[in-house]
């Protein structure tokens, strides 16, 4: 048997072809789909097997694909577009400008150019819309004119109103007087430390005698003048410390009606609850006493002859 006949008989699977050709299984499947008519194989579908020559063919496919770089179509398209633009310029047509190139020529910032386009788009000669918008060379002069018409920089602040002579004199007198040291205001905590009065007591004094205590502000921002310390001490000296003693109830103050009411309440408290053993015993005792009372009464017997 010759070597060619042996090569024809020895068939390989797609995995063996991919391993020998040095490509992945996914790449081998893609080559199989793209170059089915160029691959040496036998059979169809899952039973398709490949000759030894298919290894060289897969290597050739790999070399062909490696020469095609990504982005070649995009570069070709850009080159075609540039060639068209050059041909248009050579034919005498105006070359359109982008907004960035206009900014380089005019020295105007890109945001300012965008604002001019948004406000005065009808005065600027251009072609296209959105990102494909391009501007004619005449638009450079229009942008410069718009820049000259607009006032650069921020708006100046409004000048202060002229001061009257009386106001000037008053301000001069205030400046001439030496600045008196403002009294230092105190918090309620600081007053408590100086006077030794507790916080709740100070708050009670504020609630009762707030009009007598010199202070400024309200709520949590309330502060007290140094004179308030003396006021708090005076209020403390006048108030009686400790709780008030309970009033003694005189025995003569109790009326007979009140005594009866109190006796009924005590009797009700001593009364046992209904259904309890004590209640049943009390009921039996009442029945026995009733029977005894009837026995003590005289019995009258009448005889008929």
C-alpha atoms as a PDB file:
ATOM      1  CA  UNK A   1       0.000   0.000   0.000  1.00  0.00           C
ATOM      2  CA  UNK A   2       1.416   3.434  -0.959  1.00  0.00           C
ATOM      3  CA  UNK A   3       1.837   6.426   1.440  1.00  0.00           C
ATOM      4  CA  UNK A   4      -0.879   8.387  -0.387  1.00  0.00           C
ATOM      5  CA  UNK A   5      -3.364   5.576   0.080  1.00  0.00           C
ATOM      6  CA  UNK A   6      -2.415   5.336   3.779  1.00  0.00           C
ATOM      7  CA  UNK A   7      -2.964   9.115   4.157  1.00  0.00           C
ATOM      8  CA  UNK A   8      -6.354   8.820   2.513  1.00  0.00           C
ATOM      9  CA  UNK A   9      -7.391   6.045   4.834  1.00  0.00           C
ATOM     10  CA  UNK A  10      -6.221   7.807   7.996  1.00  0.00           C
ATOM     11  CA  UNK A  11      -8.977  10.306   8.816  1.00  0.00           C
ATOM     12  CA  UNK A  12      -8.929  12.805  11.679  1.00  0.00           C
ATOM     13  CA  UNK A  13     -11.613  14.392  13.818  1.00  0.00           C
ATOM     14  CA  UNK A  14     -12.022  18.158  13.995  1.00  0.00           C
ATOM     15  CA  UNK A  15     -10.469  18.224  17.473  1.00  0.00           C
ATOM     16  CA  UNK A  16      -7.329  16.428  16.218  1.00  0.00           C
ATOM     17  CA  UNK A  17      -7.084  18.825  13.269  1.00  0.00           C
ATOM     18  CA  UNK A  18      -7.381  21.847  15.565  1.00  0.00           C
ATOM     19  CA  UNK A  19      -4.726  20.475  17.923  1.00  0.00           C
ATOM     20  CA  UNK A  20      -2.261  19.795  15.099  1.00  0.00           C
ATOM     21  CA  UNK A  21      -2.954  23.151  13.398  1.00  0.00           C
ATOM     22  CA  UNK A  22      -2.516  25.047  16.670  1.00  0.00           C
ATOM     23  CA  UNK A  23      -5.980  26.667  16.761  1.00  0.00           C
ATOM     24  CA  UNK A  24      -8.803  26.503  19.273  1.00  0.00           C
ATOM     25  CA  UNK A  25     -11.895  24.376  18.773  1.00  0.00           C
ATOM     26  CA  UNK A  26     -14.051  27.482  18.365  1.00  0.00           C
ATOM     27  CA  UNK A  27     -11.722  28.790  15.650  1.00  0.00           C
ATOM     28  CA  UNK A  28     -11.731  25.403  13.907  1.00  0.00           C
ATOM     29  CA  UNK A  29     -15.546  25.410  13.873  1.00  0.00           C
ATOM     30  CA  UNK A  30     -15.500  28.930  12.415  1.00  0.00           C
ATOM     31  CA  UNK A  31     -13.041  27.855   9.679  1.00  0.00           C
ATOM     32  CA  UNK A  32     -15.258  24.864   8.948  1.00  0.00           C
ATOM     33  CA  UNK A  33     -18.246  27.150   8.510  1.00  0.00           C
ATOM     34  CA  UNK A  34     -16.414  29.717   6.351  1.00  0.00           C
ATOM     35  CA  UNK A  35     -14.249  27.437   4.185  1.00  0.00           C
ATOM     36  CA  UNK A  36     -16.259  24.230   3.901  1.00  0.00           C
ATOM     37  CA  UNK A  37     -15.587  23.914   0.187  1.00  0.00           C
ATOM     38  CA  UNK A  38     -11.797  24.273   0.651  1.00  0.00           C
ATOM     39  CA  UNK A  39     -11.361  21.612   3.356  1.00  0.00           C
ATOM     40  CA  UNK A  40     -10.361  18.036   2.520  1.00  0.00           C
ATOM     41  CA  UNK A  41     -12.958  15.945   4.310  1.00  0.00           C
ATOM     42  CA  UNK A  42     -15.322  13.014   3.969  1.00  0.00           C
ATOM     43  CA  UNK A  43     -18.847  12.607   5.273  1.00  0.00           C
ATOM     44  CA  UNK A  44     -21.358  15.141   6.563  1.00  0.00           C
ATOM     45  CA  UNK A  45     -22.486  16.477   9.932  1.00  0.00           C
ATOM     46  CA  UNK A  46     -21.169  14.716  13.001  1.00  0.00           C
ATOM     47  CA  UNK A  47     -19.701  11.889  10.914  1.00  0.00           C
ATOM     48  CA  UNK A  48     -17.505  14.272   8.911  1.00  0.00           C
ATOM     49  CA  UNK A  49     -13.828  13.314   9.112  1.00  0.00           C
ATOM     50  CA  UNK A  50     -10.803  15.145   7.760  1.00  0.00           C
ATOM     51  CA  UNK A  51      -7.732  13.994   5.840  1.00  0.00           C
ATOM     52  CA  UNK A  52      -4.188  14.751   6.979  1.00  0.00           C
ATOM     53  CA  UNK A  53      -3.979  17.480   4.340  1.00  0.00           C
ATOM     54  CA  UNK A  54      -6.685  19.410   6.238  1.00  0.00           C
ATOM     55  CA  UNK A  55      -4.083  20.314   8.885  1.00  0.00           C
ATOM     56  CA  UNK A  56      -2.097  22.345   6.312  1.00  0.00           C
ATOM     57  CA  UNK A  57      -5.335  23.925   5.094  1.00  0.00           C
ATOM     58  CA  UNK A  58      -6.318  25.058   8.600  1.00  0.00           C
ATOM     59  CA  UNK A  59      -2.830  26.538   9.099  1.00  0.00           C
ATOM     60  CA  UNK A  60      -3.262  28.425   5.832  1.00  0.00           C
ATOM     61  CA  UNK A  61      -6.632  29.760   7.032  1.00  0.00           C
ATOM     62  CA  UNK A  62      -4.935  30.919  10.213  1.00  0.00           C
ATOM     63  CA  UNK A  63      -2.243  32.796   8.281  1.00  0.00           C
ATOM     64  CA  UNK A  64      -4.846  34.439   6.064  1.00  0.00           C
ATOM     65  CA  UNK A  65      -6.866  35.634   9.057  1.00  0.00           C
ATOM     66  CA  UNK A  66      -3.800  36.974  10.875  1.00  0.00           C
ATOM     67  CA  UNK A  67      -2.976  39.306   7.978  1.00  0.00           C
ATOM     68  CA  UNK A  68      -6.376  41.001   8.328  1.00  0.00           C
ATOM     69  CA  UNK A  69      -6.131  43.395  11.225  1.00  0.00           C
ATOM     70  CA  UNK A  70      -9.036  44.760  13.169  1.00  0.00           C
ATOM     71  CA  UNK A  71     -10.269  48.162  12.086  1.00  0.00           C
ATOM     72  CA  UNK A  72      -9.090  47.753   8.534  1.00  0.00           C
ATOM     73  CA  UNK A  73     -12.570  48.454   7.197  1.00  0.00           C
ATOM     74  CA  UNK A  74     -12.875  51.507   9.415  1.00  0.00           C
ATOM     75  CA  UNK A  75      -9.505  52.837   8.309  1.00  0.00           C
ATOM     76  CA  UNK A  76     -10.409  52.191   4.716  1.00  0.00           C
ATOM     77  CA  UNK A  77     -13.635  54.114   5.180  1.00  0.00           C
ATOM     78  CA  UNK A  78     -11.805  57.038   6.795  1.00  0.00           C
ATOM     79  CA  UNK A  79      -9.232  57.050   4.015  1.00  0.00           C
ATOM     80  CA  UNK A  80     -12.003  57.054   1.421  1.00  0.00           C
ATOM     81  CA  UNK A  81     -13.686  59.948   3.182  1.00  0.00           C
ATOM     82  CA  UNK A  82     -10.424  61.906   3.370  1.00  0.00           C
ATOM     83  CA  UNK A  83      -9.795  61.227  -0.308  1.00  0.00           C
ATOM     84  CA  UNK A  84     -13.286  62.502  -1.106  1.00  0.00           C
ATOM     85  CA  UNK A  85     -12.643  65.662   0.909  1.00  0.00           C
ATOM     86  CA  UNK A  86      -9.330  66.245  -0.882  1.00  0.00           C
ATOM     87  CA  UNK A  87     -11.003  65.671  -4.216  1.00  0.00           C
ATOM     88  CA  UNK A  88     -13.729  68.135  -3.255  1.00  0.00           C
ATOM     89  CA  UNK A  89     -11.120  70.724  -2.244  1.00  0.00           C
ATOM     90  CA  UNK A  90      -9.199  70.118  -5.444  1.00  0.00           C
ATOM     91  CA  UNK A  91     -12.381  70.562  -7.443  1.00  0.00           C
ATOM     92  CA  UNK A  92     -12.789  74.032  -5.923  1.00  0.00           C
ATOM     93  CA  UNK A  93     -15.501  73.234  -3.294  1.00  0.00           C
ATOM     94  CA  UNK A  94     -15.268  74.840   0.177  1.00  0.00           C
ATOM     95  CA  UNK A  95     -13.666  72.694   2.883  1.00  0.00           C
ATOM     96  CA  UNK A  96     -15.923  72.488   5.929  1.00  0.00           C
ATOM     97  CA  UNK A  97     -14.619  73.130   9.435  1.00  0.00           C
ATOM     98  CA  UNK A  98     -15.331  71.561  12.784  1.00  0.00           C
ATOM     99  CA  UNK A  99     -16.114  73.590  15.882  1.00  0.00           C
ATOM    100  CA  UNK A 100     -12.733  72.701  17.396  1.00  0.00           C
ATOM    101  CA  UNK A 101     -10.843  74.052  14.374  1.00  0.00           C
ATOM    102  CA  UNK A 102     -12.900  77.259  14.515  1.00  0.00           C
ATOM    103  CA  UNK A 103     -11.955  77.600  18.193  1.00  0.00           C
ATOM    104  CA  UNK A 104      -8.261  77.295  17.271  1.00  0.00           C
ATOM    105  CA  UNK A 105      -8.591  79.994  14.604  1.00  0.00           C
ATOM    106  CA  UNK A 106     -10.650  82.452  16.623  1.00  0.00           C
ATOM    107  CA  UNK A 107      -9.288  81.824  20.138  1.00  0.00           C
ATOM    108  CA  UNK A 108     -12.837  81.356  21.497  1.00  0.00           C
ATOM    109  CA  UNK A 109     -13.426  78.582  24.004  1.00  0.00           C
ATOM    110  CA  UNK A 110     -15.440  75.545  22.969  1.00  0.00           C
ATOM    111  CA  UNK A 111     -18.321  76.139  25.463  1.00  0.00           C
ATOM    112  CA  UNK A 112     -18.673  79.714  24.198  1.00  0.00           C
ATOM    113  CA  UNK A 113     -18.826  78.489  20.593  1.00  0.00           C
ATOM    114  CA  UNK A 114     -21.539  76.012  21.566  1.00  0.00           C
ATOM    115  CA  UNK A 115     -23.499  78.818  23.217  1.00  0.00           C
ATOM    116  CA  UNK A 116     -23.237  80.939  20.054  1.00  0.00           C
ATOM    117  CA  UNK A 117     -24.478  77.995  17.977  1.00  0.00           C
ATOM    118  CA  UNK A 118     -27.410  77.462  20.327  1.00  0.00           C
ATOM    119  CA  UNK A 119     -28.392  81.160  20.385  1.00  0.00           C
ATOM    120  CA  UNK A 120     -27.480  82.332  16.856  1.00  0.00           C
ATOM    121  CA  UNK A 121     -27.584  79.118  14.811  1.00  0.00           C
ATOM    122  CA  UNK A 122     -29.564  80.793  12.010  1.00  0.00           C
ATOM    123  CA  UNK A 123     -26.763  83.341  11.431  1.00  0.00           C
ATOM    124  CA  UNK A 124     -23.966  80.756  11.195  1.00  0.00           C
ATOM    125  CA  UNK A 125     -23.577  79.020   7.789  1.00  0.00           C
ATOM    126  CA  UNK A 126     -23.276  75.278   8.311  1.00  0.00           C
ATOM    127  CA  UNK A 127     -24.204  71.870   6.926  1.00  0.00           C
ATOM    128  CA  UNK A 128     -25.584  68.817   8.693  1.00  0.00           C
ATOM    129  CA  UNK A 129     -26.967  68.444  12.198  1.00  0.00           C
ATOM    130  CA  UNK A 130     -25.794  67.113  15.554  1.00  0.00           C
ATOM    131  CA  UNK A 131     -22.306  65.634  15.617  1.00  0.00           C
ATOM    132  CA  UNK A 132     -22.100  65.686  11.832  1.00  0.00           C
ATOM    133  CA  UNK A 133     -22.563  69.446  11.683  1.00  0.00           C
ATOM    134  CA  UNK A 134     -19.755  71.244   9.843  1.00  0.00           C
ATOM    135  CA  UNK A 135     -19.265  74.945   9.273  1.00  0.00           C
ATOM    136  CA  UNK A 136     -18.308  76.969   6.198  1.00  0.00           C
ATOM    137  CA  UNK A 137     -15.150  79.103   6.270  1.00  0.00           C
ATOM    138  CA  UNK A 138     -17.401  82.206   6.313  1.00  0.00           C
ATOM    139  CA  UNK A 139     -18.628  81.182   9.786  1.00  0.00           C
ATOM    140  CA  UNK A 140     -15.245  82.165  11.295  1.00  0.00           C
ATOM    141  CA  UNK A 141     -16.029  85.843  10.687  1.00  0.00           C
ATOM    142  CA  UNK A 142     -19.534  85.354  12.120  1.00  0.00           C
ATOM    143  CA  UNK A 143     -18.146  83.838  15.316  1.00  0.00           C
ATOM    144  CA  UNK A 144     -15.666  86.711  15.678  1.00  0.00           C
ATOM    145  CA  UNK A 145     -18.459  89.228  15.202  1.00  0.00           C
ATOM    146  CA  UNK A 146     -20.565  87.506  17.871  1.00  0.00           C
ATOM    147  CA  UNK A 147     -17.598  87.605  20.245  1.00  0.00           C
ATOM    148  CA  UNK A 148     -17.138  91.323  19.611  1.00  0.00           C
ATOM    149  CA  UNK A 149     -20.840  92.000  20.237  1.00  0.00           C
ATOM    150  CA  UNK A 150     -20.939  90.095  23.537  1.00  0.00           C
ATOM    151  CA  UNK A 151     -19.508  91.577  26.732  1.00  0.00           C
ATOM    152  CA  UNK A 152     -16.765  89.328  28.072  1.00  0.00           C
ATOM    153  CA  UNK A 153     -16.509  88.599  31.776  1.00  0.00           C
ATOM    154  CA  UNK A 154     -19.077  88.641  34.525  1.00  0.00           C
ATOM    155  CA  UNK A 155     -21.497  91.479  35.103  1.00  0.00           C
ATOM    156  CA  UNK A 156     -20.164  94.128  37.527  1.00  0.00           C
ATOM    157  CA  UNK A 157     -21.817  94.390  40.897  1.00  0.00           C
ATOM    158  CA  UNK A 158     -24.290  97.226  41.419  1.00  0.00           C
ATOM    159  CA  UNK A 159     -22.669 100.351  42.899  1.00  0.00           C
ATOM    160  CA  UNK A 160     -23.754 101.078  46.489  1.00  0.00           C
ATOM    161  CA  UNK A 161     -26.190 103.923  47.026  1.00  0.00           C
ATOM    162  CA  UNK A 162     -24.715 107.306  47.928  1.00  0.00           C
ATOM    163  CA  UNK A 163     -24.590 107.802  51.674  1.00  0.00           C
ATOM    164  CA  UNK A 164     -26.323 110.858  53.108  1.00  0.00           C
ATOM    165  CA  UNK A 165     -24.294 113.432  55.127  1.00  0.00           C
ATOM    166  CA  UNK A 166     -26.227 112.649  58.309  1.00  0.00           C
ATOM    167  CA  UNK A 167     -25.423 108.955  57.933  1.00  0.00           C
ATOM    168  CA  UNK A 168     -21.747 109.767  57.395  1.00  0.00           C
ATOM    169  CA  UNK A 169     -21.627 111.918  60.562  1.00  0.00           C
ATOM    170  CA  UNK A 170     -23.348 109.228  62.594  1.00  0.00           C
ATOM    171  CA  UNK A 171     -20.897 106.626  61.372  1.00  0.00           C
ATOM    172  CA  UNK A 172     -17.979 108.928  62.168  1.00  0.00           C
ATOM    173  CA  UNK A 173     -19.226 109.484  65.744  1.00  0.00           C
ATOM    174  CA  UNK A 174     -19.616 105.764  66.291  1.00  0.00           C
ATOM    175  CA  UNK A 175     -16.093 105.182  65.003  1.00  0.00           C
ATOM    176  CA  UNK A 176     -14.687 107.941  67.238  1.00  0.00           C
ATOM    177  CA  UNK A 177     -16.178 106.439  70.419  1.00  0.00           C
ATOM    178  CA  UNK A 178     -14.035 103.762  72.051  1.00  0.00           C
ATOM    179  CA  UNK A 179     -15.598 100.376  71.685  1.00  0.00           C
ATOM    180  CA  UNK A 180     -16.947  99.339  75.079  1.00  0.00           C
ATOM    181  CA  UNK A 181     -16.428  95.753  76.031  1.00  0.00           C
ATOM    182  CA  UNK A 182     -19.733  93.954  75.657  1.00  0.00           C
ATOM    183  CA  UNK A 183     -20.861  92.093  78.801  1.00  0.00           C
ATOM    184  CA  UNK A 184     -20.264  88.388  78.628  1.00  0.00           C
ATOM    185  CA  UNK A 185     -23.546  86.499  78.617  1.00  0.00           C
ATOM    186  CA  UNK A 186     -23.928  83.367  80.717  1.00  0.00           C
ATOM    187  CA  UNK A 187     -25.610  80.054  80.121  1.00  0.00           C
ATOM    188  CA  UNK A 188     -27.932  78.417  82.640  1.00  0.00           C
ATOM    189  CA  UNK A 189     -25.250  75.820  83.387  1.00  0.00           C
ATOM    190  CA  UNK A 190     -22.719  78.535  84.252  1.00  0.00           C
ATOM    191  CA  UNK A 191     -25.242  80.260  86.545  1.00  0.00           C
ATOM    192  CA  UNK A 192     -25.884  76.931  88.288  1.00  0.00           C
ATOM    193  CA  UNK A 193     -22.148  76.518  88.906  1.00  0.00           C
ATOM    194  CA  UNK A 194     -21.875  80.016  90.382  1.00  0.00           C
ATOM    195  CA  UNK A 195     -24.987  79.876  92.560  1.00  0.00           C
ATOM    196  CA  UNK A 196     -25.031  76.185  93.472  1.00  0.00           C
ATOM    197  CA  UNK A 197     -28.667  75.882  92.398  1.00  0.00           C
ATOM    198  CA  UNK A 198     -29.701  72.747  90.512  1.00  0.00           C
ATOM    199  CA  UNK A 199     -30.755  72.880  86.866  1.00  0.00           C
ATOM    200  CA  UNK A 200     -34.440  71.917  87.454  1.00  0.00           C
ATOM    201  CA  UNK A 201     -34.746  74.628  90.133  1.00  0.00           C
ATOM    202  CA  UNK A 202     -33.291  77.247  87.786  1.00  0.00           C
ATOM    203  CA  UNK A 203     -35.722  76.213  85.084  1.00  0.00           C
ATOM    204  CA  UNK A 204     -38.619  76.498  87.566  1.00  0.00           C
ATOM    205  CA  UNK A 205     -37.503  80.020  88.477  1.00  0.00           C
ATOM    206  CA  UNK A 206     -37.442  80.907  84.775  1.00  0.00           C
ATOM    207  CA  UNK A 207     -40.940  79.563  84.317  1.00  0.00           C
ATOM    208  CA  UNK A 208     -42.308  81.503  87.305  1.00  0.00           C
ATOM    209  CA  UNK A 209     -40.216  84.704  87.279  1.00  0.00           C
ATOM    210  CA  UNK A 210     -38.946  84.964  83.675  1.00  0.00           C
ATOM    211  CA  UNK A 211     -39.865  88.658  83.461  1.00  0.00           C
ATOM    212  CA  UNK A 212     -37.586  89.507  86.401  1.00  0.00           C
ATOM    213  CA  UNK A 213     -34.486  87.778  85.016  1.00  0.00           C
ATOM    214  CA  UNK A 214     -32.458  89.830  82.449  1.00  0.00           C
ATOM    215  CA  UNK A 215     -31.719  87.719  79.380  1.00  0.00           C
ATOM    216  CA  UNK A 216     -31.377  87.771  75.595  1.00  0.00           C
ATOM    217  CA  UNK A 217     -32.724  85.359  72.978  1.00  0.00           C
ATOM    218  CA  UNK A 218     -35.235  82.568  73.316  1.00  0.00           C
ATOM    219  CA  UNK A 219     -35.234  78.804  73.588  1.00  0.00           C
ATOM    220  CA  UNK A 220     -31.863  77.098  73.442  1.00  0.00           C
ATOM    221  CA  UNK A 221     -30.189  80.346  72.345  1.00  0.00           C
ATOM    222  CA  UNK A 222     -31.255  82.194  75.502  1.00  0.00           C
ATOM    223  CA  UNK A 223     -28.338  83.754  77.409  1.00  0.00           C
ATOM    224  CA  UNK A 224     -28.365  85.663  80.703  1.00  0.00           C
ATOM    225  CA  UNK A 225     -26.696  88.862  81.826  1.00  0.00           C
ATOM    226  CA  UNK A 226     -24.309  88.759  84.808  1.00  0.00           C
ATOM    227  CA  UNK A 227     -26.972  90.589  86.879  1.00  0.00           C
ATOM    228  CA  UNK A 228     -29.163  87.479  86.607  1.00  0.00           C
ATOM    229  CA  UNK A 229     -26.924  85.688  89.142  1.00  0.00           C
ATOM    230  CA  UNK A 230     -28.063  88.034  91.931  1.00  0.00           C
ATOM    231  CA  UNK A 231     -31.703  87.596  90.891  1.00  0.00           C
ATOM    232  CA  UNK A 232     -31.441  83.816  91.045  1.00  0.00           C
ATOM    233  CA  UNK A 233     -29.824  83.968  94.484  1.00  0.00           C
ATOM    234  CA  UNK A 234     -32.582  86.264  95.789  1.00  0.00           C
ATOM    235  CA  UNK A 235     -35.258  83.887  94.486  1.00  0.00           C
ATOM    236  CA  UNK A 236     -33.490  80.987  96.173  1.00  0.00           C
ATOM    237  CA  UNK A 237     -33.324  82.825  99.533  1.00  0.00           C
ATOM    238  CA  UNK A 238     -37.036  83.623  99.421  1.00  0.00           C
ATOM    239  CA  UNK A 239     -38.164  80.120  98.506  1.00  0.00           C
ATOM    240  CA  UNK A 240     -38.682  77.439 101.176  1.00  0.00           C
ATOM    241  CA  UNK A 241     -36.498  74.396 100.727  1.00  0.00           C
ATOM    242  CA  UNK A 242     -37.900  70.887 100.838  1.00  0.00           C
ATOM    243  CA  UNK A 243     -41.379  69.608 100.253  1.00  0.00           C
ATOM    244  CA  UNK A 244     -44.420  71.096 101.888  1.00  0.00           C
ATOM    245  CA  UNK A 245     -45.644  69.165 105.045  1.00  0.00           C
ATOM    246  CA  UNK A 246     -48.910  67.371 104.739  1.00  0.00           C
ATOM    247  CA  UNK A 247     -51.859  69.161 106.344  1.00  0.00           C
ATOM    248  CA  UNK A 248     -52.984  67.617 109.622  1.00  0.00           C
ATOM    249  CA  UNK A 249     -56.643  66.659 109.557  1.00  0.00           C
ATOM    250  CA  UNK A 250     -58.335  67.603 112.839  1.00  0.00           C
ATOM    251  CA  UNK A 251     -60.586  65.032 114.391  1.00  0.00           C
ATOM    252  CA  UNK A 252     -63.274  67.652 114.890  1.00  0.00           C
ATOM    253  CA  UNK A 253     -63.335  68.358 111.168  1.00  0.00           C
ATOM    254  CA  UNK A 254     -64.864  64.953 110.472  1.00  0.00           C
ATOM    255  CA  UNK A 255     -68.652  65.227 110.162  1.00  0.00           C
ATOM    256  CA  UNK A 256     -71.116  62.383 111.063  1.00  0.00           C
ATOM    257  CA  UNK A 257     -71.950  61.931 107.404  1.00  0.00           C
ATOM    258  CA  UNK A 258     -68.279  61.444 106.629  1.00  0.00           C
ATOM    259  CA  UNK A 259     -67.976  58.904 109.476  1.00  0.00           C
ATOM    260  CA  UNK A 260     -70.891  56.870 108.142  1.00  0.00           C
ATOM    261  CA  UNK A 261     -69.480  56.956 104.638  1.00  0.00           C
ATOM    262  CA  UNK A 262     -66.117  55.767 105.930  1.00  0.00           C
ATOM    263  CA  UNK A 263     -67.739  52.954 107.965  1.00  0.00           C
ATOM    264  CA  UNK A 264     -69.668  51.733 104.925  1.00  0.00           C
ATOM    265  CA  UNK A 265     -66.489  51.709 102.882  1.00  0.00           C
ATOM    266  CA  UNK A 266     -64.650  49.708 105.556  1.00  0.00           C
ATOM    267  CA  UNK A 267     -67.533  47.237 105.776  1.00  0.00           C
ATOM    268  CA  UNK A 268     -67.517  46.830 102.001  1.00  0.00           C
ATOM    269  CA  UNK A 269     -63.804  46.128 102.110  1.00  0.00           C
ATOM    270  CA  UNK A 270     -64.312  43.468 104.780  1.00  0.00           C
ATOM    271  CA  UNK A 271     -67.180  41.846 102.847  1.00  0.00           C
ATOM    272  CA  UNK A 272     -65.950  38.579 101.283  1.00  0.00           C
ATOM    273  CA  UNK A 273     -66.176  38.043  97.606  1.00  0.00           C
ATOM    274  CA  UNK A 274     -69.248  36.263  96.224  1.00  0.00           C
ATOM    275  CA  UNK A 275     -68.778  32.516  95.736  1.00  0.00           C
ATOM    276  CA  UNK A 276     -65.848  32.217  98.129  1.00  0.00           C
ATOM    277  CA  UNK A 277     -65.742  29.952 101.233  1.00  0.00           C
ATOM    278  CA  UNK A 278     -66.077  32.937 103.565  1.00  0.00           C
ATOM    279  CA  UNK A 279     -69.214  34.072 101.726  1.00  0.00           C
ATOM    280  CA  UNK A 280     -70.798  30.635 102.044  1.00  0.00           C
ATOM    281  CA  UNK A 281     -69.999  30.451 105.771  1.00  0.00           C
ATOM    282  CA  UNK A 282     -71.520  33.861 106.286  1.00  0.00           C
ATOM    283  CA  UNK A 283     -74.701  32.755 104.486  1.00  0.00           C
ATOM    284  CA  UNK A 284     -74.967  29.592 106.663  1.00  0.00           C
ATOM    285  CA  UNK A 285     -74.458  31.633 109.831  1.00  0.00           C
ATOM    286  CA  UNK A 286     -77.264  33.964 108.766  1.00  0.00           C
ATOM    287  CA  UNK A 287     -79.617  31.028 108.169  1.00  0.00           C
ATOM    288  CA  UNK A 288     -78.760  29.427 111.537  1.00  0.00           C
ATOM    289  CA  UNK A 289     -79.369  32.707 113.353  1.00  0.00           C
ATOM    290  CA  UNK A 290     -82.738  33.033 111.611  1.00  0.00           C
ATOM    291  CA  UNK A 291     -83.742  29.496 112.689  1.00  0.00           C
ATOM    292  CA  UNK A 292     -82.712  30.214 116.275  1.00  0.00           C
ATOM    293  CA  UNK A 293     -84.772  33.385 116.311  1.00  0.00           C
ATOM    294  CA  UNK A 294     -87.852  31.428 115.187  1.00  0.00           C
ATOM    295  CA  UNK A 295     -87.274  28.753 117.845  1.00  0.00           C
ATOM    296  CA  UNK A 296     -87.137  31.386 120.571  1.00  0.00           C
ATOM    297  CA  UNK A 297     -90.597  32.623 119.632  1.00  0.00           C
ATOM    298  CA  UNK A 298     -93.613  31.037 121.508  1.00  0.00           C
ATOM    299  CA  UNK A 299     -95.583  28.335 119.738  1.00  0.00           C
ATOM    300  CA  UNK A 300     -99.420  28.456 119.812  1.00  0.00           C
ATOM    301  CA  UNK A 301    -101.311  25.134 119.439  1.00  0.00           C
ATOM    302  CA  UNK A 302    -105.114  25.133 118.822  1.00  0.00           C
ATOM    303  CA  UNK A 303    -107.079  21.942 119.453  1.00  0.00           C
ATOM    304  CA  UNK A 304    -110.578  21.398 117.940  1.00  0.00           C
ATOM    305  CA  UNK A 305    -113.065  19.369 119.995  1.00  0.00           C
END
